[in-house]
Amino acid sequence: MNYSTFIKNRLPSLVLNRKSPIEIAIPERNILKERSWFRPFGQPVFIHIYQDGKLVDRATKARVLGFTPTFGVYKVILVSSCRVTTAKNPVPIRMNTPTLPINIE
């Protein structure tokens, strides 16, 4: 419910002359910047892991569950352990990235 409300409050409406409800309530807010932070529900992402050690994995796969009240922080579920946590700036995994053949001569 929170996820859909967050999205709905930031999308433009014809009734409000193509403005979003959050733009009407808080005019000084940068709504275009906020829209660029949208992540679809369930999107696979990589999140940064803060651990000691030089040769330790620094990212793990997760899926976006929604937003937190803090701007730019997302609720995610870790794929490996099914644990729900928060992550700042998750990096989307590109699923259909074309690969080029490598010719080694």
Protein backbone atom coordinates (compact mmCIF):
# COMPACT_ATOMS: atom_id res chain seq x y z
CA MET A 1 0.00 0.00 0.00
CA ASN A 2 2.80 2.44 0.83
CA TYR A 3 4.49 1.78 -2.52
CA SER A 4 1.40 2.57 -4.59
CA THR A 5 0.65 5.70 -2.53
CA PHE A 6 4.24 6.91 -2.95
CA ILE A 7 4.03 6.50 -6.74
CA LYS A 8 0.53 7.98 -7.04
CA ASN A 9 1.50 11.11 -5.09
CA ARG A 10 4.40 11.79 -7.47
CA LEU A 11 2.71 11.21 -10.85
CA PRO A 12 1.01 14.07 -12.73
CA SER A 13 -2.78 14.27 -12.83
CA LEU A 14 -5.05 15.91 -15.41
CA VAL A 15 -7.35 17.12 -12.62
CA LEU A 16 -4.43 19.07 -11.10
CA ASN A 17 -3.35 20.63 -14.44
CA ARG A 18 -0.62 18.05 -15.03
CA LYS A 19 0.90 18.53 -11.59
CA SER A 20 1.37 15.86 -8.97
CA PRO A 21 -0.28 16.02 -5.53
CA ILE A 22 3.13 16.40 -3.87
CA GLU A 23 3.90 19.41 -6.13
CA ILE A 24 0.69 21.07 -4.96
CA ALA A 25 1.35 20.32 -1.28
CA ILE A 26 5.10 21.12 -1.27
CA PRO A 27 5.94 23.43 -4.23
CA GLU A 28 9.68 23.71 -3.45
CA ARG A 29 10.21 19.94 -3.84
CA ASN A 30 12.20 18.78 -6.92
CA ILE A 31 9.69 16.28 -8.30
CA LEU A 32 11.67 15.48 -11.49
CA LYS A 33 14.61 14.32 -9.40
CA GLU A 34 12.30 12.15 -7.31
CA ARG A 35 10.76 10.54 -10.40
CA SER A 36 14.23 9.55 -11.61
CA TRP A 37 14.62 7.46 -8.42
CA PHE A 38 11.60 5.22 -9.16
CA ARG A 39 12.35 1.52 -9.16
CA PRO A 40 9.65 -0.97 -10.23
CA PHE A 41 8.40 -3.36 -7.54
CA GLY A 42 10.35 -6.61 -7.73
CA GLN A 43 13.12 -5.21 -9.96
CA PRO A 44 16.37 -7.18 -9.60
CA VAL A 45 19.20 -4.98 -8.33
CA PHE A 46 22.69 -5.15 -6.91
CA ILE A 47 23.25 -3.58 -3.50
CA HIS A 48 26.54 -2.64 -1.89
CA ILE A 49 27.68 -4.66 1.11
CA TYR A 50 29.80 -2.91 3.71
CA GLN A 51 32.27 -5.53 4.97
CA ASP A 52 35.89 -5.60 5.97
CA GLY A 53 38.39 -7.36 3.80
CA LYS A 54 39.91 -6.68 0.45
CA LEU A 55 38.82 -9.86 -1.34
CA VAL A 56 35.27 -10.07 0.00
CA ASP A 57 32.22 -9.72 -2.28
CA ARG A 58 31.10 -6.10 -2.34
CA ALA A 59 27.67 -6.54 -3.92
CA THR A 60 24.82 -8.98 -3.70
CA LYS A 61 21.62 -9.56 -5.65
CA ALA A 62 18.36 -8.27 -4.22
CA ARG A 63 14.84 -7.32 -5.30
CA VAL A 64 13.13 -3.98 -4.65
CA LEU A 65 10.17 -4.18 -2.26
CA GLY A 66 9.41 -0.47 -1.92
CA PHE A 67 10.48 2.86 -0.52
CA THR A 68 11.33 4.06 2.98
CA PRO A 69 10.46 7.48 4.42
CA THR A 70 14.09 8.52 3.83
CA PHE A 71 14.59 9.84 0.29
CA GLY A 72 16.73 7.56 -1.89
CA VAL A 73 16.63 4.55 0.46
CA TYR A 74 14.76 1.43 -0.65
CA LYS A 75 13.45 -1.68 1.08
CA VAL A 76 14.98 -4.73 -0.59
CA ILE A 77 14.96 -8.46 -0.05
CA LEU A 78 18.28 -10.28 -0.41
CA VAL A 79 18.01 -13.15 -2.89
CA SER A 80 20.57 -15.35 -1.11
CA SER A 81 19.16 -15.21 2.44
CA CYS A 82 15.54 -13.96 1.97
CA ARG A 83 16.28 -11.21 4.51
CA VAL A 84 14.59 -7.81 4.22
CA THR A 85 16.92 -4.83 4.59
CA THR A 86 17.37 -1.28 3.33
CA ALA A 87 19.75 -0.11 0.64
CA LYS A 88 20.77 3.27 -0.70
CA ASN A 89 21.02 3.65 -4.48
CA PRO A 90 20.55 0.04 -5.67
CA VAL A 91 21.96 -0.58 -9.15
CA PRO A 92 19.50 -2.22 -11.59
CA ILE A 93 20.55 -5.49 -13.19
CA ARG A 94 20.15 -5.34 -16.95
CA MET A 95 18.51 -8.61 -17.89
CA ASN A 96 18.55 -8.43 -21.71
CA THR A 97 21.96 -6.93 -22.32
CA PRO A 98 23.23 -8.03 -25.74
CA THR A 99 26.63 -9.66 -25.66
CA LEU A 100 29.17 -9.32 -28.42
CA PRO A 101 31.15 -12.36 -29.56
CA ILE A 102 34.81 -12.17 -28.63
CA ASN A 103 37.26 -13.32 -31.26
CA ILE A 104 40.54 -14.50 -29.75
CA GLU A 105 43.20 -15.03 -32.38
